Protein backbone atom coordinates (compact mmCIF):
# COMPACT_ATOMS: atom_id res chain seq x y z
CA UNK A 1 57.95 -12.79 107.96
CA UNK A 2 54.41 -11.49 108.47
CA UNK A 3 54.17 -13.30 111.78
CA UNK A 4 57.47 -11.78 112.91
CA UNK A 5 56.14 -8.33 112.02
CA UNK A 6 53.08 -9.17 114.11
CA UNK A 7 55.34 -10.00 117.08
CA UNK A 8 57.07 -6.61 116.79
CA UNK A 9 53.64 -5.01 116.44
CA UNK A 10 52.60 -6.51 119.78
CA UNK A 11 55.67 -4.95 121.39
CA UNK A 12 55.07 -1.50 119.89
CA UNK A 13 51.35 -1.44 120.66
CA UNK A 14 52.01 -2.61 124.23
CA UNK A 15 54.70 0.04 124.76
CA UNK A 16 52.56 2.92 123.48
CA UNK A 17 49.31 1.81 125.07
CA UNK A 18 50.80 1.01 128.50
CA UNK A 19 52.39 4.44 128.76
CA UNK A 20 49.11 5.99 127.57
CA UNK A 21 47.19 4.06 130.24
CA UNK A 22 49.62 5.29 132.91
CA UNK A 23 48.82 8.85 131.91
CA UNK A 24 45.01 8.56 131.84
CA UNK A 25 44.26 6.17 134.72
CA UNK A 26 44.42 8.33 137.83
CA UNK A 27 44.16 5.70 140.54
CA UNK A 28 45.25 7.03 143.93
CA UNK A 29 46.24 3.59 145.22
CA UNK A 30 49.60 2.32 143.86
CA UNK A 31 48.53 -1.26 144.59
CA UNK A 32 45.52 -0.96 142.26
CA UNK A 33 47.74 0.60 139.60
CA UNK A 34 50.17 -2.28 139.95
CA UNK A 35 47.41 -4.89 139.61
CA UNK A 36 46.10 -3.11 136.51
CA UNK A 37 49.62 -2.93 135.04
CA UNK A 38 50.16 -6.67 135.56
CA UNK A 39 46.81 -7.59 134.04
CA UNK A 40 47.67 -5.49 131.01
CA UNK A 41 51.15 -7.04 130.87
CA UNK A 42 49.74 -10.59 130.80
CA UNK A 43 47.15 -9.57 128.21
CA UNK A 44 49.91 -8.70 125.72
CA UNK A 45 52.42 -11.37 126.70
CA UNK A 46 49.83 -14.13 126.14
CA UNK A 47 49.77 -13.86 122.30
CA UNK A 48 53.57 -14.10 122.24
CA UNK A 49 53.50 -17.26 124.32
CA UNK A 50 50.80 -18.64 122.05
CA UNK A 51 52.89 -17.95 118.91
CA UNK A 52 55.89 -19.52 120.63
CA UNK A 53 53.99 -22.69 121.63
CA UNK A 54 52.56 -23.02 118.12
CA UNK A 55 56.08 -22.60 116.70
CA UNK A 56 54.81 -19.84 114.42
CA UNK A 57 57.65 -17.54 115.46
CA UNK A 58 61.21 -18.49 116.28
CA UNK A 59 62.20 -18.63 119.94
CA UNK A 60 65.21 -16.38 119.22
CA UNK A 61 62.79 -13.58 118.31
CA UNK A 62 59.89 -14.11 120.71
CA UNK A 63 61.97 -14.22 123.90
CA UNK A 64 63.83 -10.89 123.41
CA UNK A 65 60.49 -9.23 122.68
CA UNK A 66 59.09 -10.73 125.90
CA UNK A 67 62.11 -9.30 127.77
CA UNK A 68 61.41 -5.85 126.30
CA UNK A 69 57.75 -6.07 127.31
CA UNK A 70 58.82 -6.86 130.90
CA UNK A 71 61.21 -3.89 130.85
CA UNK A 72 58.35 -1.65 129.69
CA UNK A 73 56.27 -2.91 132.66
CA UNK A 74 58.97 -1.39 134.89
CA UNK A 75 59.53 1.86 133.02
CA UNK A 76 55.96 2.83 132.11
CA UNK A 77 55.28 4.43 135.54
CA UNK A 78 58.59 6.33 135.35
CA UNK A 79 57.74 7.71 131.90
CA UNK A 80 54.72 9.62 133.18
CA UNK A 81 56.54 12.26 135.25
CA UNK A 82 58.11 15.41 133.85
CA UNK A 83 61.12 15.31 136.14
CA UNK A 84 63.41 12.67 137.59
CA UNK A 85 61.90 10.30 140.14
CA UNK A 86 64.77 11.07 142.51
CA UNK A 87 64.12 14.83 142.40
CA UNK A 88 64.51 15.23 146.17
CA UNK A 89 67.13 12.53 146.68
CA UNK A 90 70.43 14.31 147.51
CA UNK A 91 72.58 12.17 145.21
CA UNK A 92 70.30 12.88 142.25
CA UNK A 93 70.46 16.60 143.07
CA UNK A 94 74.22 16.40 142.73
CA UNK A 95 74.14 14.39 139.49
CA UNK A 96 71.66 16.78 137.86
CA UNK A 97 74.00 19.67 138.68
CA UNK A 98 77.05 17.73 137.47
CA UNK A 99 75.29 16.94 134.16
CA UNK A 100 74.52 20.63 133.70
CA UNK A 101 78.15 21.49 134.45
CA UNK A 102 79.51 18.89 132.00
CA UNK A 103 77.15 20.17 129.30
CA UNK A 104 79.03 23.49 129.49
CA UNK A 105 82.42 21.78 129.08
CA UNK A 106 83.53 21.67 132.75
CA UNK A 107 84.19 17.93 132.98
CA UNK A 108 86.48 17.59 136.01
CA UNK A 109 85.05 20.14 138.44
CA UNK A 110 82.64 19.76 141.29
CA UNK A 111 79.37 21.55 140.45
CA UNK A 112 78.92 22.96 143.96
CA UNK A 113 82.34 24.39 144.83
CA UNK A 114 83.59 24.72 141.19
CA UNK A 115 86.93 23.17 142.27
CA UNK A 116 88.38 20.08 140.53
CA UNK A 117 87.19 16.83 142.08
CA UNK A 118 87.83 13.10 141.77
CA UNK A 119 84.25 12.22 140.86
CA UNK A 120 84.26 10.27 137.54
CA UNK A 121 82.39 12.23 134.84
CA UNK A 122 81.58 9.50 132.27
CA UNK A 123 77.89 9.36 133.15
CA UNK A 124 77.55 13.14 133.30
CA UNK A 125 79.45 13.73 130.05
CA UNK A 126 77.20 11.25 128.25
CA UNK A 127 73.96 12.79 129.55
CA UNK A 128 75.35 16.31 129.11
CA UNK A 129 76.20 15.54 125.47
CA UNK A 130 72.60 14.42 124.91
CA UNK A 131 71.46 17.72 126.43
CA UNK A 132 73.63 19.70 124.01
CA UNK A 133 72.46 17.66 121.00
CA UNK A 134 68.82 18.20 121.94
CA UNK A 135 69.35 21.87 122.77
CA UNK A 136 67.85 21.39 126.24
CA UNK A 137 68.71 23.18 129.49
CA UNK A 138 66.62 20.85 131.66
CA UNK A 139 69.07 18.35 133.16
CA UNK A 140 66.31 16.76 135.25
CA UNK A 141 64.19 15.83 132.25
CA UNK A 142 67.11 14.46 130.20
CA UNK A 143 68.43 12.57 133.24
CA UNK A 144 65.13 10.78 133.81
CA UNK A 145 64.67 9.88 130.13
CA UNK A 146 68.23 8.60 129.88
CA UNK A 147 67.59 6.49 132.98
CA UNK A 148 64.47 4.94 131.41
CA UNK A 149 66.47 4.03 128.30
CA UNK A 150 69.22 2.50 130.42
CA UNK A 151 66.71 0.30 132.25
CA UNK A 152 65.70 -1.22 128.91
CA UNK A 153 69.36 -1.75 127.94
CA UNK A 154 70.08 -3.35 131.34
CA UNK A 155 67.22 -5.83 130.94
CA UNK A 156 68.48 -6.82 127.50
CA UNK A 157 72.08 -7.04 128.75
CA UNK A 158 71.14 -9.43 131.57
CA UNK A 159 69.10 -11.50 129.11
CA UNK A 160 72.00 -11.84 126.66
CA UNK A 161 74.41 -12.72 129.49
CA UNK A 162 72.26 -15.73 130.47
CA UNK A 163 71.39 -16.55 126.87
CA UNK A 164 75.04 -16.78 125.80
CA UNK A 165 75.97 -18.78 128.88
CA UNK A 166 73.17 -21.31 128.35
CA UNK A 167 70.12 -20.73 126.13
CA UNK A 168 67.26 -18.27 125.43
CA UNK A 169 64.89 -19.88 127.94
CA UNK A 170 67.42 -19.46 130.75
CA UNK A 171 67.78 -15.85 129.60
CA UNK A 172 64.03 -15.20 129.79
CA UNK A 173 63.62 -16.76 133.24
CA UNK A 174 66.68 -14.88 134.51
CA UNK A 175 65.00 -11.62 133.53
CA UNK A 176 61.72 -12.68 135.12
CA UNK A 177 63.66 -13.34 138.35
CA UNK A 178 65.76 -10.19 138.02
CA UNK A 179 63.28 -8.32 140.21
CA UNK A 180 64.49 -10.43 143.14
CA UNK A 181 67.80 -8.50 142.98
CA UNK A 182 66.28 -5.27 144.16
CA UNK A 183 68.84 -4.41 146.85
CA UNK A 184 67.00 -3.07 149.89
CA UNK A 185 63.42 -3.74 148.74
CA UNK A 186 61.82 -0.37 149.52
CA UNK A 187 64.82 1.70 148.36
CA UNK A 188 65.68 -0.01 145.11
CA UNK A 189 68.19 2.28 143.42
CA UNK A 190 67.17 0.80 140.11
CA UNK A 191 64.57 3.61 140.10
CA UNK A 192 66.98 6.49 140.84
CA UNK A 193 68.98 8.17 138.05
CA UNK A 194 72.56 7.74 139.23
CA UNK A 195 75.78 6.49 137.55
CA UNK A 196 75.29 3.08 139.17
CA UNK A 197 72.77 1.90 136.57
CA UNK A 198 75.04 2.83 133.66
CA UNK A 199 78.07 1.26 135.37
CA UNK A 200 76.07 -1.90 136.14
CA UNK A 201 75.01 -2.20 132.48
CA UNK A 202 78.63 -1.85 131.34
CA UNK A 203 79.77 -4.43 133.90
CA UNK A 204 77.13 -7.00 132.89
CA UNK A 205 78.25 -6.68 129.27
CA UNK A 206 81.89 -6.95 130.31
CA UNK A 207 81.16 -10.30 132.02
CA UNK A 208 79.34 -11.48 128.88
CA UNK A 209 82.24 -10.49 126.60
CA UNK A 210 84.83 -12.21 128.80
CA UNK A 211 82.73 -15.39 128.81
CA UNK A 212 82.39 -15.30 125.01
CA UNK A 213 86.09 -14.58 124.54
CA UNK A 214 86.93 -17.72 126.54
CA UNK A 215 84.71 -19.63 124.12
CA UNK A 216 87.24 -19.04 121.33
CA UNK A 217 86.30 -15.53 120.16
CA UNK A 218 89.65 -14.08 121.13
CA UNK A 219 89.13 -10.61 119.66
CA UNK A 220 86.33 -10.15 122.22
CA UNK A 221 89.06 -9.55 124.81
CA UNK A 222 89.59 -6.09 123.27
CA UNK A 223 85.88 -5.28 123.55
CA UNK A 224 85.74 -6.73 127.08
CA UNK A 225 88.63 -4.51 128.17
CA UNK A 226 87.04 -1.37 126.71
CA UNK A 227 83.66 -2.03 128.34
CA UNK A 228 85.32 -2.86 131.68
CA UNK A 229 87.21 0.45 131.50
CA UNK A 230 83.89 2.22 130.92
CA UNK A 231 82.33 0.41 133.90
CA UNK A 232 85.19 1.24 136.28
CA UNK A 233 85.38 4.90 135.26
CA UNK A 234 81.60 5.23 135.52
CA UNK A 235 81.47 3.66 138.96
CA UNK A 236 84.94 3.00 140.50
CA UNK A 237 83.64 0.57 143.16
CA UNK A 238 83.36 -1.99 140.33
CA UNK A 239 87.16 -2.26 140.32
CA UNK A 240 87.10 -5.53 142.36
CA UNK A 241 84.73 -7.00 139.74
CA UNK A 242 87.26 -6.06 137.03
CA UNK A 243 90.03 -7.77 139.01
CA UNK A 244 87.85 -10.88 139.33
CA UNK A 245 87.43 -10.93 135.53
CA UNK A 246 91.20 -10.73 135.10
CA UNK A 247 91.63 -13.73 137.42
CA UNK A 248 88.98 -15.63 135.44
CA UNK A 249 90.80 -14.92 132.17
CA UNK A 250 94.07 -16.09 133.64
CA UNK A 251 92.91 -19.35 135.24
CA UNK A 252 90.33 -20.43 132.65
CA UNK A 253 92.95 -20.77 129.89
CA UNK A 254 95.30 -23.74 129.73
CA UNK A 255 98.30 -22.36 127.86
CA UNK A 256 100.51 -19.76 129.55
CA UNK A 257 101.19 -18.01 126.22
CA UNK A 258 97.42 -17.61 125.65
CA UNK A 259 96.95 -16.19 129.15
CA UNK A 260 99.58 -13.49 128.66
CA UNK A 261 98.49 -12.62 125.12
CA UNK A 262 94.80 -12.31 126.02
CA UNK A 263 95.49 -10.37 129.21
CA UNK A 264 97.49 -7.86 127.13
CA UNK A 265 94.54 -7.54 124.73
CA UNK A 266 92.20 -6.92 127.66
CA UNK A 267 94.50 -4.51 129.49
CA UNK A 268 95.45 -2.48 126.41
CA UNK A 269 91.86 -1.29 125.93
CA UNK A 270 90.83 -1.37 129.61
CA UNK A 271 93.34 1.30 130.70
CA UNK A 272 92.65 3.78 127.87
CA UNK A 273 89.65 5.51 129.40
CA UNK A 274 90.93 5.55 133.02
CA UNK A 275 94.15 7.20 131.81
CA UNK A 276 92.28 9.73 129.68
CA UNK A 277 90.04 10.70 132.60
CA UNK A 278 92.09 10.22 135.74
CA UNK A 279 95.39 11.79 134.63
CA UNK A 280 93.80 15.21 133.80
CA UNK A 281 91.87 15.04 137.08
CA UNK A 282 95.05 14.27 139.01
CA UNK A 283 96.90 17.15 137.31
CA UNK A 284 94.03 19.57 138.00
CA UNK A 285 93.86 18.54 141.65
CA UNK A 286 97.63 18.83 142.05
CA UNK A 287 97.81 22.29 140.47
CA UNK A 288 95.08 23.54 142.80
CA UNK A 289 96.77 21.84 145.78
CA UNK A 290 93.61 19.84 146.39
CA UNK A 291 95.10 16.39 146.97
CA UNK A 292 93.99 16.36 150.56
CA UNK A 293 93.38 13.60 153.04
CA UNK A 294 90.68 11.29 151.62
CA UNK A 295 87.66 10.04 153.52
CA UNK A 296 87.52 6.55 151.93
CA UNK A 297 89.99 3.72 151.59
CA UNK A 298 91.51 4.29 155.04
CA UNK A 299 92.57 1.64 157.54
CA UNK A 300 89.71 1.36 160.02
CA UNK A 301 91.08 -1.32 162.26
CA UNK A 302 90.24 -5.02 162.46
CA UNK A 303 86.48 -5.54 162.10
CA UNK A 304 84.72 -6.84 165.20
CA UNK A 305 82.00 -9.48 165.48
CA UNK A 306 79.24 -6.88 165.20
CA UNK A 307 80.62 -5.70 161.86
CA UNK A 308 80.68 -9.28 160.57
CA UNK A 309 77.10 -9.98 161.71
CA UNK A 310 75.92 -6.74 160.10
CA UNK A 311 77.68 -7.71 156.85
CA UNK A 312 76.02 -11.15 156.80
CA UNK A 313 72.56 -9.65 157.42
CA UNK A 314 73.08 -7.05 154.69
CA UNK A 315 74.33 -9.75 152.32
CA UNK A 316 71.36 -12.08 152.86
CA UNK A 317 68.80 -9.27 152.68
CA UNK A 318 70.64 -7.50 149.81
CA UNK A 319 71.17 -4.27 151.70
CA UNK A 320 69.91 -4.47 155.25
CA UNK A 321 66.80 -5.15 157.30
CA UNK A 322 64.20 -2.41 156.97
CA UNK A 323 61.95 -2.06 160.02
CA UNK A 324 59.23 -0.23 158.06
CA UNK A 325 58.92 -3.02 155.51
CA UNK A 326 60.14 -5.90 157.66
CA UNK A 327 57.91 -8.56 156.08
CA UNK A 328 59.00 -7.54 152.56
CA UNK A 329 62.66 -7.59 153.55
CA UNK A 330 62.22 -11.03 155.14
CA UNK A 331 60.53 -12.42 152.01
CA UNK A 332 63.22 -11.01 149.72
CA UNK A 333 65.85 -12.53 151.98
CA UNK A 334 64.04 -15.90 152.00
CA UNK A 335 63.79 -15.90 148.19
CA UNK A 336 67.44 -14.92 147.89
CA UNK A 337 68.63 -17.74 150.15
CA UNK A 338 66.57 -20.24 148.09
CA UNK A 339 68.12 -18.95 144.86
CA UNK A 340 71.61 -19.30 146.35
CA UNK A 341 70.82 -22.89 147.31
CA UNK A 342 69.57 -23.68 143.80
CA UNK A 343 72.64 -21.95 142.31
CA UNK A 344 74.96 -24.18 144.36
CA UNK A 345 73.13 -27.24 142.99
CA UNK A 346 73.34 -25.76 139.49
CA UNK A 347 77.07 -25.16 139.81
CA UNK A 348 77.67 -28.74 140.96
CA UNK A 349 75.74 -30.09 137.97
CA UNK A 350 77.48 -27.97 135.31
CA UNK A 351 78.43 -29.99 132.25
CA UNK A 352 79.49 -29.29 128.68
CA UNK A 353 81.97 -26.48 128.13
CA UNK A 354 85.20 -27.18 129.93
CA UNK A 355 85.68 -23.69 131.26
CA UNK A 356 82.08 -23.01 132.44
CA UNK A 357 82.48 -24.55 135.88
CA UNK A 358 85.85 -22.87 136.38
CA UNK A 359 84.41 -19.54 135.22
CA UNK A 360 81.54 -19.59 137.72
CA UNK A 361 83.66 -21.06 140.52
CA UNK A 362 86.49 -18.53 140.26
CA UNK A 363 84.34 -15.48 139.54
CA UNK A 364 81.72 -16.08 142.26
CA UNK A 365 84.37 -17.01 144.84
CA UNK A 366 86.28 -13.79 144.18
CA UNK A 367 83.03 -11.81 144.31
CA UNK A 368 82.34 -13.29 147.75
CA UNK A 369 85.70 -11.90 148.81
CA UNK A 370 85.13 -8.55 147.07
CA UNK A 371 81.79 -7.79 148.74
CA UNK A 372 83.18 -7.56 152.32
CA UNK A 373 86.25 -5.74 150.98
CA UNK A 374 84.10 -3.05 149.34
CA UNK A 375 81.94 -2.98 152.47
CA UNK A 376 85.04 -2.23 154.56
CA UNK A 377 86.79 0.24 152.23
CA UNK A 378 83.65 2.16 151.25
CA UNK A 379 80.35 1.44 153.03
CA UNK A 380 77.34 -0.87 152.81
CA UNK A 381 75.61 0.98 149.95
CA UNK A 382 78.58 0.29 147.67
CA UNK A 383 78.93 -3.36 148.68
CA UNK A 384 75.27 -4.08 148.04
CA UNK A 385 75.60 -2.67 144.52
CA UNK A 386 78.65 -4.82 143.79
CA UNK A 387 76.57 -7.73 145.11
CA UNK A 388 74.09 -7.18 142.25
CA UNK A 389 76.64 -8.64 139.77
CA UNK A 390 77.11 -11.65 142.05
CA UNK A 391 73.33 -12.05 142.38
CA UNK A 392 72.68 -11.97 138.63
CA UNK A 393 75.01 -14.95 138.10
CA UNK A 394 73.39 -16.71 141.08
CA UNK A 395 70.01 -16.36 139.33
CA UNK A 396 71.50 -17.67 136.06
CA UNK A 397 72.77 -20.82 137.79
CA UNK A 398 69.52 -21.29 139.73
CA UNK A 399 67.45 -21.04 136.54
CA UNK A 400 69.80 -23.43 134.71
CA UNK A 401 69.31 -26.00 137.47
CA UNK A 402 65.51 -25.63 137.55
CA UNK A 403 65.17 -25.94 133.78
CA UNK A 404 67.61 -28.72 133.02
CA UNK A 405 68.78 -30.56 136.11
CA UNK A 406 65.93 -30.64 138.63
CA UNK A 407 64.53 -34.13 139.15
CA UNK A 408 61.16 -34.56 137.43
CA UNK A 409 59.66 -35.63 140.74
CA UNK A 410 60.30 -32.14 142.19
CA UNK A 411 59.82 -30.10 139.01
CA UNK A 412 56.30 -28.96 139.94
CA UNK A 413 57.62 -27.56 143.24
CA UNK A 414 60.47 -25.90 141.40
CA UNK A 415 58.19 -24.09 138.99
CA UNK A 416 55.81 -23.14 141.82
CA UNK A 417 58.82 -21.49 143.49
CA UNK A 418 59.67 -19.70 140.24
CA UNK A 419 56.15 -18.34 139.82
CA UNK A 420 56.09 -17.14 143.44
CA UNK A 421 59.40 -15.28 143.19
CA UNK A 422 58.50 -13.80 139.79
CA UNK A 423 55.13 -12.46 140.95
CA UNK A 424 56.34 -11.24 144.33
CA UNK A 425 59.59 -9.57 143.29
CA UNK A 426 58.35 -7.94 140.08
CA UNK A 427 55.06 -7.00 141.69
CA UNK A 428 56.80 -5.29 144.58
CA UNK A 429 59.18 -3.37 142.33
CA UNK A 430 56.41 -2.13 140.02
CA UNK A 431 54.33 -1.23 143.08
CA UNK A 432 57.22 0.84 144.46
CA UNK A 433 57.67 2.52 141.07
CA UNK A 434 54.01 3.62 141.15
CA UNK A 435 54.37 4.75 144.76
CA UNK A 436 57.54 6.77 144.03
CA UNK A 437 55.91 8.40 141.01
CA UNK A 438 52.84 9.48 142.99
CA UNK A 439 54.97 10.89 145.81
CA UNK A 440 57.34 12.63 143.41
CA UNK A 441 54.52 14.25 141.44
CA UNK A 442 53.07 15.78 144.59
CA UNK A 443 56.40 17.05 145.88
CA UNK A 444 57.40 18.35 142.47
CA UNK A 445 54.19 20.36 142.04
CA UNK A 446 54.72 21.88 145.50
CA UNK A 447 58.32 22.68 144.62
CA UNK A 448 57.33 24.41 141.35
CA UNK A 449 54.71 26.46 143.18
CA UNK A 450 57.14 27.75 145.81
CA UNK A 451 60.29 28.20 143.73
CA UNK A 452 59.08 29.09 140.23
CA UNK A 453 59.34 32.87 140.64
CA UNK A 454 62.75 32.96 142.30
CA UNK A 455 64.21 30.58 139.73
CA UNK A 456 62.95 32.71 136.84
CA UNK A 457 64.55 35.79 138.40
CA UNK A 458 67.91 34.05 138.90
CA UNK A 459 67.80 32.70 135.35
CA UNK A 460 67.23 36.18 133.92
CA UNK A 461 69.62 38.21 136.08
CA UNK A 462 72.73 36.09 136.52
CA UNK A 463 75.43 34.83 134.21
CA UNK A 464 77.00 31.38 134.03
CA UNK A 465 79.71 31.23 136.68
CA UNK A 466 78.17 33.84 138.97
CA UNK A 467 78.27 32.99 142.64
CA UNK A 468 75.00 33.07 144.54
CA UNK A 469 75.18 32.85 148.28
CA UNK A 470 72.55 30.75 150.03
CA UNK A 471 72.35 28.57 153.09
CA UNK A 472 73.10 24.93 152.33
CA UNK A 473 69.48 23.75 152.58
CA UNK A 474 68.07 26.62 150.54
CA UNK A 475 70.77 26.25 147.92
CA UNK A 476 70.11 22.55 147.42
CA UNK A 477 66.33 22.89 147.38
CA UNK A 478 66.14 25.85 145.01
CA UNK A 479 69.23 26.06 142.80
CA UNK A 480 71.29 22.90 142.46
CA UNK A 481 70.40 20.86 139.40
CA UNK A 482 68.18 23.60 137.97
CA UNK A 483 70.31 26.69 137.46
CA UNK A 484 73.99 26.04 137.99
CA UNK A 485 75.42 28.52 140.49
CA UNK A 486 77.59 28.21 143.58
CA UNK A 487 77.57 28.87 147.29
CA UNK A 488 80.68 28.82 149.46
CA UNK A 489 80.38 25.58 151.32
CA UNK A 490 80.59 22.18 149.65
CA UNK A 491 77.33 20.26 149.49
CA UNK A 492 79.16 17.52 151.36
CA UNK A 493 82.35 17.47 153.37
CA UNK A 494 85.54 18.85 151.88
CA UNK A 495 87.25 15.47 152.25
CA UNK A 496 84.65 13.84 150.02
CA UNK A 497 85.77 15.98 147.11
CA UNK A 498 89.49 15.67 147.93
CA UNK A 499 89.70 19.31 148.93
CA UNK A 500 92.70 19.86 151.15
CA UNK A 501 91.81 20.53 154.80
CA UNK A 502 93.01 24.14 154.69
CA UNK A 503 90.80 25.06 151.73
CA UNK A 504 87.80 23.19 153.15
CA UNK A 505 88.24 25.07 156.43
CA UNK A 506 88.58 28.40 154.59
CA UNK A 507 85.35 27.81 152.67
CA UNK A 508 83.54 26.85 155.86
CA UNK A 509 84.87 29.86 157.78
CA UNK A 510 83.84 32.28 155.03
CA UNK A 511 80.42 30.66 154.93
CA UNK A 512 80.07 31.16 158.69
CA UNK A 513 81.29 34.76 158.41
CA UNK A 514 78.43 35.66 156.09
CA UNK A 515 75.83 33.91 158.20
CA UNK A 516 76.97 34.72 161.73
CA UNK A 517 78.97 37.96 161.65
CA UNK A 518 77.52 41.37 162.60
CA UNK A 519 80.44 43.08 160.88
CA UNK A 520 79.05 44.28 157.55
CA UNK A 521 82.53 45.22 156.32
CA UNK A 522 83.82 41.67 156.90
CA UNK A 523 80.78 40.29 155.08
CA UNK A 524 81.36 42.74 152.23
CA UNK A 525 85.01 41.62 151.89
CA UNK A 526 83.99 37.95 151.67
CA UNK A 527 81.32 38.71 149.06
CA UNK A 528 83.85 40.72 147.05
CA UNK A 529 86.51 38.00 147.28
CA UNK A 530 84.19 35.46 145.63
CA UNK A 531 82.46 37.95 143.32
CA UNK A 532 79.06 37.30 144.87
CA UNK A 533 76.38 39.64 143.48
CA UNK A 534 73.20 38.00 144.76
CA UNK A 535 72.18 36.50 148.10
CA UNK A 536 69.20 34.12 148.27
CA UNK A 537 67.21 34.13 151.52
CA UNK A 538 64.29 31.93 152.41
CA UNK A 539 61.61 33.76 154.40
CA UNK A 540 62.56 33.66 158.08
CA UNK A 541 66.29 32.97 157.59
CA UNK A 542 67.18 36.61 158.21
CA UNK A 543 65.85 36.19 161.76
CA UNK A 544 68.01 33.07 162.31
CA UNK A 545 71.36 34.46 161.10
CA UNK A 546 72.78 37.88 162.12
CA UNK A 547 74.77 38.21 158.89
CA UNK A 548 71.72 37.65 156.70
CA UNK A 549 69.85 40.25 158.80
CA UNK A 550 72.60 42.76 158.02
CA UNK A 551 72.38 42.01 154.29
CA UNK A 552 68.58 42.08 154.35
CA UNK A 553 68.69 45.60 155.81
CA UNK A 554 71.43 47.03 153.57
CA UNK A 555 71.10 45.35 150.14
CA UNK A 556 68.64 46.24 147.42
CA UNK A 557 65.85 43.73 146.95
CA UNK A 558 65.95 42.26 143.45
CA UNK A 559 63.08 39.85 143.93
CA UNK A 560 60.67 38.98 146.72
CA UNK A 561 57.65 36.75 147.19
CA UNK A 562 56.02 35.13 150.21
CA UNK A 563 58.72 32.42 150.29
CA UNK A 564 62.02 33.88 149.07
CA UNK A 565 63.95 37.08 148.59
CA UNK A 566 66.93 37.67 146.28
CA UNK A 567 69.16 40.54 147.44
CA UNK A 568 71.41 42.46 145.04
CA UNK A 569 74.55 42.94 147.14
CA UNK A 570 77.23 44.18 144.69
CA UNK A 571 76.82 47.78 145.88
CA UNK A 572 76.59 47.60 149.69
CA UNK A 573 76.94 51.15 151.13
């Protein structure tokens, strides 16, 4: 027992001290910080390996702690910044605003236009609830901390998936190779706080539960259905993965009565959350006449050869070839192809449980079909994220083959390959984490310097629900995700949010009226129609837009600094 406490002590001391080192070591070179982080990682992982080799501590305890230490290697750079690492990434802007909106009880509305939208709110409700419980108004801070926690849960989820399929050692090596599934290497969305990470974690656990339920634990089908429902409503592009799981459940069971009974168990819990969320959204959209022509899921014609070649390149490089980091992309692609080859050998050598080979064969085959389908219906960014599930199981099979089936004659080469992929993939990801943090810190300090005063004024002088007019760029840079207010034009196209074409056009026309019209009475009518009291202008914009020049001359100035002016326009003469 004392030795087990010592193992947990190593984990706790490593976690605290590594984050402390990140805060006090101000190296300007992310490569040096990465080397230091790895040296420190190996310093603390070595005693665990020693205890394991000496059989002082059970394998079932040591290996999960090693997985947690690896997760901390990834998250320690992210824990040192006061805001989200994706602070100036447009998607994260939107999610921070959506979280803030959900924290006020507006679950089904778009945070930019305030109209109902089809965007699933599971992620935002969860983070918004944490905000309310902590009494915080800073959606950026909560978002980044939630993301760090989810990274740890994801690492553990992938470990338990491989551990339950085979054994703890396969689980540990799967996690060590997990860095090879980084999507496009220099834009790994594992670092950005978006719903994808939460949906991916749910989906990994759904695959685990289905596998365990086929092993005789029939009540797991209920849990698998519930977690799959959470995954699909968090990130709807995982729907093909859910369908692949249903096919696995159907074909991996011998008796027809068992197939029907277990599918009912799965479906009864899987549809609960989608119904609870999607029916109110559909009703809200219908009442507002917002069920317009969608921009995804349309027939785009028969793909040509160029589309197919692009798909293959994106598949093999896990996202696409990046010209800036061409050598890194090539190495990731080379490693990935080797893992696929090892996985094929691992699949062919599967023995033991009768359903294991069928499970992997059916699921991976359907995933190979799903990836191009998602690529066609949505776009490449969605297909590469669905591919992550496929890639995790590829790693599991590759590790299984290397550990148990590889001929002793070639085992040294196999483990040399493992060490190379582990060092390269994890090293690159931790390096990019350090690089992102350094870049974000600099941009964030600049942003605080230029926007601090105007944000404090808006916070003090507006009420929740007030409209603030701003140009699209100024609105996104200053307001969205920090203080929840609205401008007229959607942050993206009207079709993206299922706004009907007429309403989208009306919003756009009114937006243009304020910017481009010289008729102050027309501008005044538009402001009055939306109840706009304040207009935000970045220095120089009044010279670019005739309408803003009119407002700048006729409205009272509520706030002004060298960068921004806030005009009080509810009493235009």
